[in-house]
């Protein structure tokens, strides 16, 4: 505990080190020790949760009849809890969180907490559950790790923010002050990488790829809504590799398919992992892993 209760800091001001001082709030935010303290606290919460599950007070959740039981997922300092939509189950979780907060001094940020229920749960029952645990109910999980979490169809609107990020980047760049080589470098190093994270998980709609391609084309040729310029080379030619006469810019649709194929390969080669077991039990139905039985209401991820 001495690492937590006795830290001191020095500030370098105009090249000279000032006298050390001690913070009144112990560890500062961003301190290298902070993540480890959070993990130790979460291990305590995990033990309390596992004890309740082992005693049968709370039943783990199953995504299908043959899927592994899942009661929670910890990722860094985030916690996902899976349980049946009942007052008894929620009261159990609420008691665990209250006991944890009283013992550790931590508090739950209910403004950042969401109760998400299946479409089979009536809205009235969902609102009652939300009031019981003091969180808001929502059918929109917004984003996690920069990617949208949703239970509907992938549409152009789903990735509107990603297209806006590309367009926002272009606003800050003055294409007419850069050479063609500079614009090409920025296009490959920045613009083409913005959708990369989403393309590893989702199959982007064609309209989204077209919007990003349009922004990339206009930036390369210094074209805009107010000042259109002639595109001297066909875009399909630019997307070809350099050794065949192109500029080596990656085609978004082909890159998207390649990344999704890589994800499928990880699924096929790591069938003992938790995420693979859940997906295989829910979608394969005893058939080939790479040839799932997909229904209309299944996840689009």
C-alpha atoms as a PDB file:
ATOM      1  CA  UNK A   1       0.000   0.000   0.000  1.00  0.00           C
ATOM      2  CA  UNK A   2       2.987   2.328   0.351  1.00  0.00           C
ATOM      3  CA  UNK A   3       3.061   2.719  -3.437  1.00  0.00           C
ATOM      4  CA  UNK A   4      -0.486   4.062  -3.266  1.00  0.00           C
ATOM      5  CA  UNK A   5      -0.407   6.210  -0.138  1.00  0.00           C
ATOM      6  CA  UNK A   6       3.051   7.809  -0.411  1.00  0.00           C
ATOM      7  CA  UNK A   7       3.568   8.997  -4.018  1.00  0.00           C
ATOM      8  CA  UNK A   8       5.318  12.288  -4.730  1.00  0.00           C
ATOM      9  CA  UNK A   9       5.840  14.258  -7.926  1.00  0.00           C
ATOM     10  CA  UNK A  10       8.366  16.696  -9.342  1.00  0.00           C
ATOM     11  CA  UNK A  11       7.638  19.311 -11.989  1.00  0.00           C
ATOM     12  CA  UNK A  12      10.260  20.567 -14.434  1.00  0.00           C
ATOM     13  CA  UNK A  13       9.759  24.306 -14.934  1.00  0.00           C
ATOM     14  CA  UNK A  14      12.012  26.254 -17.320  1.00  0.00           C
ATOM     15  CA  UNK A  15      14.566  23.469 -17.284  1.00  0.00           C
ATOM     16  CA  UNK A  16      14.780  23.235 -13.486  1.00  0.00           C
ATOM     17  CA  UNK A  17      13.212  20.624 -11.203  1.00  0.00           C
ATOM     18  CA  UNK A  18      10.969  22.076  -8.514  1.00  0.00           C
ATOM     19  CA  UNK A  19      10.566  20.718  -5.003  1.00  0.00           C
ATOM     20  CA  UNK A  20       8.595  17.434  -4.759  1.00  0.00           C
ATOM     21  CA  UNK A  21       5.025  17.542  -3.527  1.00  0.00           C
ATOM     22  CA  UNK A  22       2.440  14.955  -2.489  1.00  0.00           C
ATOM     23  CA  UNK A  23      -1.019  14.848  -4.086  1.00  0.00           C
ATOM     24  CA  UNK A  24      -4.075  15.037  -1.840  1.00  0.00           C
ATOM     25  CA  UNK A  25      -5.928  12.378  -3.877  1.00  0.00           C
ATOM     26  CA  UNK A  26      -3.133   9.796  -3.758  1.00  0.00           C
ATOM     27  CA  UNK A  27      -2.570   8.283  -7.230  1.00  0.00           C
ATOM     28  CA  UNK A  28      -3.144  10.684 -10.090  1.00  0.00           C
ATOM     29  CA  UNK A  29      -5.294   9.764 -13.069  1.00  0.00           C
ATOM     30  CA  UNK A  30      -3.120   8.120 -15.694  1.00  0.00           C
ATOM     31  CA  UNK A  31      -0.560   6.882 -13.188  1.00  0.00           C
ATOM     32  CA  UNK A  32       1.140   3.649 -14.374  1.00  0.00           C
ATOM     33  CA  UNK A  33      -0.100   1.906 -11.220  1.00  0.00           C
ATOM     34  CA  UNK A  34      -3.746   2.851 -11.803  1.00  0.00           C
ATOM     35  CA  UNK A  35      -4.622  -0.012 -14.207  1.00  0.00           C
ATOM     36  CA  UNK A  36      -3.245  -2.582 -11.769  1.00  0.00           C
ATOM     37  CA  UNK A  37      -5.299  -1.133  -8.917  1.00  0.00           C
ATOM     38  CA  UNK A  38      -8.413  -1.365 -11.084  1.00  0.00           C
ATOM     39  CA  UNK A  39      -7.626  -4.986 -11.960  1.00  0.00           C
ATOM     40  CA  UNK A  40      -7.148  -5.922  -8.304  1.00  0.00           C
ATOM     41  CA  UNK A  41     -10.517  -4.367  -7.459  1.00  0.00           C
ATOM     42  CA  UNK A  42     -12.204  -6.154 -10.348  1.00  0.00           C
ATOM     43  CA  UNK A  43     -10.737  -9.469  -9.197  1.00  0.00           C
ATOM     44  CA  UNK A  44     -12.566  -8.924  -5.909  1.00  0.00           C
ATOM     45  CA  UNK A  45     -15.785  -8.184  -7.772  1.00  0.00           C
ATOM     46  CA  UNK A  46     -15.233 -11.286  -9.894  1.00  0.00           C
ATOM     47  CA  UNK A  47     -14.874 -13.435  -6.762  1.00  0.00           C
ATOM     48  CA  UNK A  48     -18.121 -12.066  -5.318  1.00  0.00           C
ATOM     49  CA  UNK A  49     -19.894 -12.709  -8.606  1.00  0.00           C
ATOM     50  CA  UNK A  50     -18.566 -16.266  -8.989  1.00  0.00           C
ATOM     51  CA  UNK A  51     -19.610 -17.110  -5.432  1.00  0.00           C
ATOM     52  CA  UNK A  52     -23.208 -16.105  -6.150  1.00  0.00           C
ATOM     53  CA  UNK A  53     -23.228 -18.130  -9.374  1.00  0.00           C
ATOM     54  CA  UNK A  54     -21.746 -21.177  -7.618  1.00  0.00           C
ATOM     55  CA  UNK A  55     -24.421 -20.970  -4.904  1.00  0.00           C
ATOM     56  CA  UNK A  56     -27.135 -21.022  -7.547  1.00  0.00           C
ATOM     57  CA  UNK A  57     -28.473 -17.587  -6.628  1.00  0.00           C
ATOM     58  CA  UNK A  58     -27.850 -16.367 -10.153  1.00  0.00           C
ATOM     59  CA  UNK A  59     -28.101 -18.427 -13.331  1.00  0.00           C
ATOM     60  CA  UNK A  60     -25.634 -17.918 -16.188  1.00  0.00           C
ATOM     61  CA  UNK A  61     -26.977 -16.989 -19.603  1.00  0.00           C
ATOM     62  CA  UNK A  62     -26.962 -19.292 -22.648  1.00  0.00           C
ATOM     63  CA  UNK A  63     -27.148 -17.924 -26.198  1.00  0.00           C
ATOM     64  CA  UNK A  64     -28.424 -21.266 -27.480  1.00  0.00           C
ATOM     65  CA  UNK A  65     -29.173 -24.728 -26.132  1.00  0.00           C
ATOM     66  CA  UNK A  66     -25.649 -26.005 -26.771  1.00  0.00           C
ATOM     67  CA  UNK A  67     -23.684 -22.809 -26.107  1.00  0.00           C
ATOM     68  CA  UNK A  68     -21.411 -22.457 -23.059  1.00  0.00           C
ATOM     69  CA  UNK A  69     -22.898 -20.693 -20.054  1.00  0.00           C
ATOM     70  CA  UNK A  70     -21.895 -17.051 -19.782  1.00  0.00           C
ATOM     71  CA  UNK A  71     -22.495 -14.861 -16.753  1.00  0.00           C
ATOM     72  CA  UNK A  72     -20.023 -12.022 -17.290  1.00  0.00           C
ATOM     73  CA  UNK A  73     -17.159 -10.684 -19.377  1.00  0.00           C
ATOM     74  CA  UNK A  74     -14.368  -8.514 -18.027  1.00  0.00           C
ATOM     75  CA  UNK A  75     -12.351  -6.426 -20.460  1.00  0.00           C
ATOM     76  CA  UNK A  76      -9.873  -3.985 -18.894  1.00  0.00           C
ATOM     77  CA  UNK A  77     -12.046  -1.989 -16.461  1.00  0.00           C
ATOM     78  CA  UNK A  78     -15.319  -2.702 -18.296  1.00  0.00           C
ATOM     79  CA  UNK A  79     -17.864  -5.262 -17.101  1.00  0.00           C
ATOM     80  CA  UNK A  80     -20.582  -6.976 -19.133  1.00  0.00           C
ATOM     81  CA  UNK A  81     -23.171  -8.948 -17.132  1.00  0.00           C
ATOM     82  CA  UNK A  82     -25.480 -11.500 -18.767  1.00  0.00           C
ATOM     83  CA  UNK A  83     -28.564 -12.767 -16.910  1.00  0.00           C
ATOM     84  CA  UNK A  84     -32.227 -13.576 -17.241  1.00  0.00           C
ATOM     85  CA  UNK A  85     -34.659 -10.652 -17.292  1.00  0.00           C
ATOM     86  CA  UNK A  86     -36.086 -11.119 -13.799  1.00  0.00           C
ATOM     87  CA  UNK A  87     -36.310  -8.971 -10.676  1.00  0.00           C
ATOM     88  CA  UNK A  88     -34.631 -11.705  -8.619  1.00  0.00           C
ATOM     89  CA  UNK A  89     -31.581 -11.832 -10.871  1.00  0.00           C
ATOM     90  CA  UNK A  90     -31.249  -8.050 -11.042  1.00  0.00           C
ATOM     91  CA  UNK A  91     -31.626  -7.693  -7.277  1.00  0.00           C
ATOM     92  CA  UNK A  92     -28.807 -10.179  -6.839  1.00  0.00           C
ATOM     93  CA  UNK A  93     -26.531  -8.156  -9.128  1.00  0.00           C
ATOM     94  CA  UNK A  94     -27.518  -4.951  -7.376  1.00  0.00           C
ATOM     95  CA  UNK A  95     -26.568  -6.423  -3.984  1.00  0.00           C
ATOM     96  CA  UNK A  96     -23.190  -7.527  -5.348  1.00  0.00           C
ATOM     97  CA  UNK A  97     -22.440  -4.075  -6.742  1.00  0.00           C
ATOM     98  CA  UNK A  98     -23.577  -2.319  -3.554  1.00  0.00           C
ATOM     99  CA  UNK A  99     -21.416  -4.578  -1.370  1.00  0.00           C
ATOM    100  CA  UNK A 100     -18.455  -4.071  -3.686  1.00  0.00           C
ATOM    101  CA  UNK A 101     -18.840  -0.281  -3.605  1.00  0.00           C
ATOM    102  CA  UNK A 102     -19.127  -0.229   0.188  1.00  0.00           C
ATOM    103  CA  UNK A 103     -16.021  -2.378   0.593  1.00  0.00           C
ATOM    104  CA  UNK A 104     -13.805  -0.703  -2.010  1.00  0.00           C
ATOM    105  CA  UNK A 105     -14.970   2.893  -1.926  1.00  0.00           C
ATOM    106  CA  UNK A 106     -15.631   2.780  -5.666  1.00  0.00           C
ATOM    107  CA  UNK A 107     -18.911   3.987  -7.149  1.00  0.00           C
ATOM    108  CA  UNK A 108     -20.923   2.848 -10.148  1.00  0.00           C
ATOM    109  CA  UNK A 109     -21.409   5.434 -12.876  1.00  0.00           C
ATOM    110  CA  UNK A 110     -25.063   4.762 -13.653  1.00  0.00           C
ATOM    111  CA  UNK A 111     -25.063   7.466 -16.321  1.00  0.00           C
ATOM    112  CA  UNK A 112     -22.749   5.258 -18.386  1.00  0.00           C
ATOM    113  CA  UNK A 113     -24.628   2.026 -17.610  1.00  0.00           C
ATOM    114  CA  UNK A 114     -27.293   0.581 -19.895  1.00  0.00           C
ATOM    115  CA  UNK A 115     -29.844  -2.210 -19.523  1.00  0.00           C
ATOM    116  CA  UNK A 116     -30.305  -4.007 -22.835  1.00  0.00           C
ATOM    117  CA  UNK A 117     -32.936  -6.737 -23.149  1.00  0.00           C
ATOM    118  CA  UNK A 118     -34.000  -9.198 -25.803  1.00  0.00           C
ATOM    119  CA  UNK A 119     -36.737  -8.268 -28.240  1.00  0.00           C
ATOM    120  CA  UNK A 120     -38.853 -10.961 -26.549  1.00  0.00           C
ATOM    121  CA  UNK A 121     -38.981  -8.961 -23.295  1.00  0.00           C
ATOM    122  CA  UNK A 122     -41.996  -6.572 -23.144  1.00  0.00           C
ATOM    123  CA  UNK A 123     -41.106  -2.866 -22.970  1.00  0.00           C
ATOM    124  CA  UNK A 124     -43.082  -2.435 -19.760  1.00  0.00           C
ATOM    125  CA  UNK A 125     -41.115  -5.203 -18.062  1.00  0.00           C
ATOM    126  CA  UNK A 126     -37.835  -3.710 -19.321  1.00  0.00           C
ATOM    127  CA  UNK A 127     -38.661  -0.310 -17.828  1.00  0.00           C
ATOM    128  CA  UNK A 128     -39.526  -1.951 -14.507  1.00  0.00           C
ATOM    129  CA  UNK A 129     -36.185  -3.776 -14.472  1.00  0.00           C
ATOM    130  CA  UNK A 130     -34.335  -0.560 -15.289  1.00  0.00           C
ATOM    131  CA  UNK A 131     -35.955   1.276 -12.387  1.00  0.00           C
ATOM    132  CA  UNK A 132     -35.051  -1.556 -10.037  1.00  0.00           C
ATOM    133  CA  UNK A 133     -31.336  -1.412 -10.822  1.00  0.00           C
ATOM    134  CA  UNK A 134     -31.230   2.378 -11.321  1.00  0.00           C
ATOM    135  CA  UNK A 135     -29.994   2.388 -14.910  1.00  0.00           C
ATOM    136  CA  UNK A 136     -31.611   3.511 -18.128  1.00  0.00           C
ATOM    137  CA  UNK A 137     -33.057   0.993 -20.555  1.00  0.00           C
ATOM    138  CA  UNK A 138     -32.068   1.314 -24.189  1.00  0.00           C
ATOM    139  CA  UNK A 139     -32.280  -0.665 -27.402  1.00  0.00           C
ATOM    140  CA  UNK A 140     -29.177   1.129 -28.680  1.00  0.00           C
ATOM    141  CA  UNK A 141     -25.849   0.125 -27.173  1.00  0.00           C
ATOM    142  CA  UNK A 142     -24.078   2.898 -29.085  1.00  0.00           C
ATOM    143  CA  UNK A 143     -20.362   2.106 -29.459  1.00  0.00           C
ATOM    144  CA  UNK A 144     -17.739   0.022 -27.728  1.00  0.00           C
ATOM    145  CA  UNK A 145     -14.026   0.279 -28.553  1.00  0.00           C
ATOM    146  CA  UNK A 146     -14.944   2.606 -31.398  1.00  0.00           C
ATOM    147  CA  UNK A 147     -17.366   0.216 -33.106  1.00  0.00           C
ATOM    148  CA  UNK A 148     -21.172   0.284 -33.054  1.00  0.00           C
ATOM    149  CA  UNK A 149     -23.005  -2.414 -31.113  1.00  0.00           C
ATOM    150  CA  UNK A 150     -26.466  -3.021 -32.497  1.00  0.00           C
ATOM    151  CA  UNK A 151     -29.003  -5.773 -33.065  1.00  0.00           C
ATOM    152  CA  UNK A 152     -30.372  -4.745 -36.429  1.00  0.00           C
ATOM    153  CA  UNK A 153     -29.436  -4.564 -40.056  1.00  0.00           C
ATOM    154  CA  UNK A 154     -26.223  -2.876 -41.166  1.00  0.00           C
ATOM    155  CA  UNK A 155     -27.162   0.248 -43.115  1.00  0.00           C
ATOM    156  CA  UNK A 156     -25.445   3.325 -44.478  1.00  0.00           C
ATOM    157  CA  UNK A 157     -26.450   5.241 -41.356  1.00  0.00           C
ATOM    158  CA  UNK A 158     -24.601   2.717 -39.147  1.00  0.00           C
ATOM    159  CA  UNK A 159     -21.221   3.999 -40.344  1.00  0.00           C
ATOM    160  CA  UNK A 160     -22.162   7.617 -40.941  1.00  0.00           C
ATOM    161  CA  UNK A 161     -19.778   8.744 -38.179  1.00  0.00           C
ATOM    162  CA  UNK A 162     -16.886   6.942 -39.873  1.00  0.00           C
ATOM    163  CA  UNK A 163     -17.543   8.731 -43.176  1.00  0.00           C
ATOM    164  CA  UNK A 164     -17.803  12.005 -41.248  1.00  0.00           C
ATOM    165  CA  UNK A 165     -14.371  11.378 -39.724  1.00  0.00           C
ATOM    166  CA  UNK A 166     -12.890  11.054 -43.198  1.00  0.00           C
ATOM    167  CA  UNK A 167     -14.560  14.264 -44.330  1.00  0.00           C
ATOM    168  CA  UNK A 168     -13.465  16.080 -41.162  1.00  0.00           C
ATOM    169  CA  UNK A 169      -9.857  15.127 -41.851  1.00  0.00           C
ATOM    170  CA  UNK A 170     -10.121  16.639 -45.318  1.00  0.00           C
ATOM    171  CA  UNK A 171     -11.422  19.930 -43.941  1.00  0.00           C
ATOM    172  CA  UNK A 172      -8.190  20.434 -42.023  1.00  0.00           C
ATOM    173  CA  UNK A 173      -5.997  19.607 -45.007  1.00  0.00           C
ATOM    174  CA  UNK A 174      -5.478  22.116 -47.792  1.00  0.00           C
ATOM    175  CA  UNK A 175      -5.111  19.905 -50.829  1.00  0.00           C
ATOM    176  CA  UNK A 176      -4.145  22.796 -53.114  1.00  0.00           C
ATOM    177  CA  UNK A 177      -1.009  23.482 -51.045  1.00  0.00           C
ATOM    178  CA  UNK A 178       0.239  19.890 -51.290  1.00  0.00           C
ATOM    179  CA  UNK A 179       1.931  18.095 -54.131  1.00  0.00           C
ATOM    180  CA  UNK A 180       0.414  14.990 -55.685  1.00  0.00           C
ATOM    181  CA  UNK A 181       2.977  12.810 -53.894  1.00  0.00           C
ATOM    182  CA  UNK A 182       2.096  14.429 -50.547  1.00  0.00           C
ATOM    183  CA  UNK A 183      -1.622  13.939 -51.108  1.00  0.00           C
ATOM    184  CA  UNK A 184      -1.024  10.317 -52.049  1.00  0.00           C
ATOM    185  CA  UNK A 185       1.008   9.746 -48.874  1.00  0.00           C
ATOM    186  CA  UNK A 186      -1.696  11.285 -46.671  1.00  0.00           C
ATOM    187  CA  UNK A 187      -4.354   9.289 -48.464  1.00  0.00           C
ATOM    188  CA  UNK A 188      -2.569   5.985 -47.876  1.00  0.00           C
ATOM    189  CA  UNK A 189      -1.351   6.692 -44.338  1.00  0.00           C
ATOM    190  CA  UNK A 190      -4.471   8.306 -42.879  1.00  0.00           C
ATOM    191  CA  UNK A 191      -7.648   8.321 -44.961  1.00  0.00           C
ATOM    192  CA  UNK A 192      -7.406   4.674 -45.992  1.00  0.00           C
ATOM    193  CA  UNK A 193      -6.772   3.579 -42.382  1.00  0.00           C
ATOM    194  CA  UNK A 194      -9.800   5.240 -40.765  1.00  0.00           C
ATOM    195  CA  UNK A 195     -12.277   2.500 -41.862  1.00  0.00           C
ATOM    196  CA  UNK A 196      -9.746  -0.294 -41.228  1.00  0.00           C
ATOM    197  CA  UNK A 197     -10.885  -0.998 -37.651  1.00  0.00           C
ATOM    198  CA  UNK A 198     -14.549  -1.405 -38.637  1.00  0.00           C
ATOM    199  CA  UNK A 199     -13.718  -3.515 -41.698  1.00  0.00           C
ATOM    200  CA  UNK A 200     -12.172  -6.194 -39.492  1.00  0.00           C
ATOM    201  CA  UNK A 201     -15.587  -6.915 -37.953  1.00  0.00           C
ATOM    202  CA  UNK A 202     -18.312  -5.695 -40.322  1.00  0.00           C
ATOM    203  CA  UNK A 203     -19.046  -6.075 -43.995  1.00  0.00           C
ATOM    204  CA  UNK A 204     -19.400  -2.411 -44.924  1.00  0.00           C
ATOM    205  CA  UNK A 205     -22.337  -1.440 -47.155  1.00  0.00           C
ATOM    206  CA  UNK A 206     -21.409  -0.601 -50.739  1.00  0.00           C
ATOM    207  CA  UNK A 207     -22.724   2.938 -50.248  1.00  0.00           C
ATOM    208  CA  UNK A 208     -20.302   3.500 -47.350  1.00  0.00           C
ATOM    209  CA  UNK A 209     -17.339   2.316 -49.417  1.00  0.00           C
ATOM    210  CA  UNK A 210     -18.459   4.565 -52.269  1.00  0.00           C
ATOM    211  CA  UNK A 211     -18.670   7.610 -49.972  1.00  0.00           C
ATOM    212  CA  UNK A 212     -15.153   7.016 -48.636  1.00  0.00           C
ATOM    213  CA  UNK A 213     -13.834   6.402 -52.163  1.00  0.00           C
ATOM    214  CA  UNK A 214     -15.430   9.633 -53.343  1.00  0.00           C
ATOM    215  CA  UNK A 215     -13.672  11.555 -50.568  1.00  0.00           C
ATOM    216  CA  UNK A 216     -10.362   9.882 -51.415  1.00  0.00           C
ATOM    217  CA  UNK A 217     -10.717  10.633 -55.145  1.00  0.00           C
ATOM    218  CA  UNK A 218     -11.595  14.270 -54.583  1.00  0.00           C
ATOM    219  CA  UNK A 219      -8.662  14.776 -52.228  1.00  0.00           C
ATOM    220  CA  UNK A 220      -6.217  13.145 -54.625  1.00  0.00           C
ATOM    221  CA  UNK A 221      -7.282  15.363 -57.533  1.00  0.00           C
ATOM    222  CA  UNK A 222      -7.925  18.546 -55.457  1.00  0.00           C
ATOM    223  CA  UNK A 223     -11.603  18.401 -56.330  1.00  0.00           C
ATOM    224  CA  UNK A 224     -14.453  19.767 -54.198  1.00  0.00           C
ATOM    225  CA  UNK A 225     -18.121  20.722 -54.437  1.00  0.00           C
ATOM    226  CA  UNK A 226     -17.209  24.303 -55.295  1.00  0.00           C
ATOM    227  CA  UNK A 227     -14.263  23.579 -57.542  1.00  0.00           C
ATOM    228  CA  UNK A 228     -14.372  20.396 -59.574  1.00  0.00           C
ATOM    229  CA  UNK A 229     -11.241  19.207 -61.334  1.00  0.00           C
ATOM    230  CA  UNK A 230     -10.671  16.691 -64.064  1.00  0.00           C
ATOM    231  CA  UNK A 231      -9.651  13.253 -62.817  1.00  0.00           C
ATOM    232  CA  UNK A 232      -6.800  12.379 -65.130  1.00  0.00           C
ATOM    233  CA  UNK A 233      -6.668   8.644 -64.401  1.00  0.00           C
ATOM    234  CA  UNK A 234      -9.473   6.163 -63.942  1.00  0.00           C
ATOM    235  CA  UNK A 235     -10.016   5.288 -60.255  1.00  0.00           C
ATOM    236  CA  UNK A 236      -9.933   1.547 -60.945  1.00  0.00           C
ATOM    237  CA  UNK A 237      -6.486   2.030 -62.504  1.00  0.00           C
ATOM    238  CA  UNK A 238      -5.255   3.940 -59.443  1.00  0.00           C
ATOM    239  CA  UNK A 239      -6.324   1.065 -57.181  1.00  0.00           C
ATOM    240  CA  UNK A 240      -4.064  -1.410 -58.996  1.00  0.00           C
ATOM    241  CA  UNK A 241      -0.583  -2.262 -57.604  1.00  0.00           C
ATOM    242  CA  UNK A 242       2.379  -0.092 -58.548  1.00  0.00           C
ATOM    243  CA  UNK A 243       4.144  -2.827 -60.497  1.00  0.00           C
ATOM    244  CA  UNK A 244       1.274  -2.892 -63.006  1.00  0.00           C
ATOM    245  CA  UNK A 245       1.028   0.884 -63.373  1.00  0.00           C
ATOM    246  CA  UNK A 246      -1.274   1.886 -60.505  1.00  0.00           C
ATOM    247  CA  UNK A 247      -0.623   3.917 -57.365  1.00  0.00           C
ATOM    248  CA  UNK A 248      -1.077   1.050 -54.915  1.00  0.00           C
ATOM    249  CA  UNK A 249      -4.105   2.484 -53.114  1.00  0.00           C
ATOM    250  CA  UNK A 250      -6.107  -0.294 -51.498  1.00  0.00           C
ATOM    251  CA  UNK A 251      -9.577  -1.089 -52.744  1.00  0.00           C
ATOM    252  CA  UNK A 252     -11.852  -0.861 -49.691  1.00  0.00           C
ATOM    253  CA  UNK A 253     -14.261  -3.602 -50.717  1.00  0.00           C
ATOM    254  CA  UNK A 254     -11.481  -6.108 -51.456  1.00  0.00           C
ATOM    255  CA  UNK A 255      -9.673  -5.185 -48.239  1.00  0.00           C
ATOM    256  CA  UNK A 256     -12.909  -5.609 -46.290  1.00  0.00           C
ATOM    257  CA  UNK A 257     -13.400  -9.130 -47.672  1.00  0.00           C
ATOM    258  CA  UNK A 258      -9.778 -10.040 -46.922  1.00  0.00           C
ATOM    259  CA  UNK A 259     -10.076  -8.907 -43.295  1.00  0.00           C
ATOM    260  CA  UNK A 260     -13.358 -10.764 -42.807  1.00  0.00           C
ATOM    261  CA  UNK A 261     -11.761 -13.882 -44.281  1.00  0.00           C
ATOM    262  CA  UNK A 262      -8.979 -13.513 -41.720  1.00  0.00           C
ATOM    263  CA  UNK A 263     -11.605 -13.337 -38.971  1.00  0.00           C
ATOM    264  CA  UNK A 264     -13.251 -16.500 -40.316  1.00  0.00           C
ATOM    265  CA  UNK A 265      -9.852 -18.200 -40.333  1.00  0.00           C
ATOM    266  CA  UNK A 266      -9.350 -17.312 -36.657  1.00  0.00           C
ATOM    267  CA  UNK A 267     -12.779 -18.772 -35.930  1.00  0.00           C
ATOM    268  CA  UNK A 268     -11.895 -21.996 -37.739  1.00  0.00           C
ATOM    269  CA  UNK A 269      -8.447 -22.379 -36.132  1.00  0.00           C
ATOM    270  CA  UNK A 270      -9.434 -21.387 -32.573  1.00  0.00           C
ATOM    271  CA  UNK A 271     -12.620 -23.336 -31.979  1.00  0.00           C
ATOM    272  CA  UNK A 272     -11.762 -23.840 -28.295  1.00  0.00           C
ATOM    273  CA  UNK A 273     -11.936 -20.117 -27.502  1.00  0.00           C
ATOM    274  CA  UNK A 274     -15.041 -18.744 -25.801  1.00  0.00           C
ATOM    275  CA  UNK A 275     -16.160 -16.509 -28.666  1.00  0.00           C
ATOM    276  CA  UNK A 276     -15.754 -19.372 -31.148  1.00  0.00           C
ATOM    277  CA  UNK A 277     -17.791 -21.762 -28.990  1.00  0.00           C
ATOM    278  CA  UNK A 278     -20.625 -19.227 -28.697  1.00  0.00           C
ATOM    279  CA  UNK A 279     -20.749 -18.500 -32.442  1.00  0.00           C
ATOM    280  CA  UNK A 280     -20.423 -22.145 -33.469  1.00  0.00           C
ATOM    281  CA  UNK A 281     -23.142 -23.322 -31.074  1.00  0.00           C
ATOM    282  CA  UNK A 282     -25.539 -20.588 -32.208  1.00  0.00           C
ATOM    283  CA  UNK A 283     -24.974 -20.520 -35.961  1.00  0.00           C
ATOM    284  CA  UNK A 284     -23.362 -23.745 -37.191  1.00  0.00           C
ATOM    285  CA  UNK A 285     -26.130 -26.135 -36.012  1.00  0.00           C
ATOM    286  CA  UNK A 286     -23.808 -29.107 -36.368  1.00  0.00           C
ATOM    287  CA  UNK A 287     -22.761 -28.237 -39.927  1.00  0.00           C
ATOM    288  CA  UNK A 288     -19.481 -26.865 -41.232  1.00  0.00           C
ATOM    289  CA  UNK A 289     -18.209 -23.914 -39.189  1.00  0.00           C
ATOM    290  CA  UNK A 290     -17.619 -21.843 -42.322  1.00  0.00           C
ATOM    291  CA  UNK A 291     -21.054 -22.664 -43.746  1.00  0.00           C
ATOM    292  CA  UNK A 292     -23.453 -21.505 -41.001  1.00  0.00           C
ATOM    293  CA  UNK A 293     -27.225 -21.618 -41.002  1.00  0.00           C
ATOM    294  CA  UNK A 294     -28.185 -17.945 -40.946  1.00  0.00           C
ATOM    295  CA  UNK A 295     -31.677 -16.643 -40.244  1.00  0.00           C
ATOM    296  CA  UNK A 296     -33.042 -13.207 -41.034  1.00  0.00           C
ATOM    297  CA  UNK A 297     -32.902 -11.889 -37.452  1.00  0.00           C
ATOM    298  CA  UNK A 298     -29.362 -13.118 -36.721  1.00  0.00           C
ATOM    299  CA  UNK A 299     -26.520 -10.737 -35.944  1.00  0.00           C
ATOM    300  CA  UNK A 300     -24.958  -8.884 -38.878  1.00  0.00           C
ATOM    301  CA  UNK A 301     -21.511  -8.939 -37.304  1.00  0.00           C
END
